[in-house]
Amino acid sequence: MAAPSRNIWRCLAAWILPALAIGLAVVLAARQVEKAQYIVLPIPSPTEQLQRGKWTLTDYSVRRWMSSGERFFIWRTEATLPSVSAYDTWGENVQYLDSWLTGHDWVVYDDPRTDPCSAFLAESRFLPRGVEGYTTYRHPQGPVYSYEPTVCVAAWPVSEDTEERRYHIVLLTVNPSPWTWLARRLELGY
């Protein structure tokens, strides 16, 4: 007959080691799921063919709300279009990007009850939503209040000179982390 202390160690080994292994596997899986997943759009700059007409800045960031811990992966690119471009008005600039986005399963999102870009696009503080400001895109049939992948397009003149009017363009994507997306869906009952 084995000593009682050996039986205790065998029981502990039989139950605790598998529990620790499962716990470690869950932690590692959660880290993998929460890995940054940016939506990077391969849209050429409207003036790609010009010497200095390419996207001039690209930024990747993670925004986390301190009160809830919700995380969002943000990709942002921008360019200032020279006056020699064919895109001399707000409408021409936005139409170029709108054509690309709508051709890739994005639709204009203009629900008046919520404005997802206002939380992530700094320019929403001084630009109006809509014409001469910024436009929001989402995938068709997405829930209104849910955290869904979002594209924000902003354009505004950086020069008021009508002879040499240049526009600054910002293209920004927001992708909620998988846990944030799931928690919001459960909260809203989707």
Foldseek 3Di string as FASTA:
>chain_A
DDDPVVVVVVVCCVPVVVVVVVVVVVVVVVVVLQPADEDDDPQFFQPNVDPQRGFDDWDWDWDADPVPRWIKIKIKTKGKHWQVGPQQAQVSRVVSVQVVQVVVQKDWDDDPVDDVVVVPPPQCVPAPEDGQFKTKIFGPPDDDPADGKIKMWTKHWPDPPSNITMIMIMIMIIHIRPVRRVVRCVVVVD
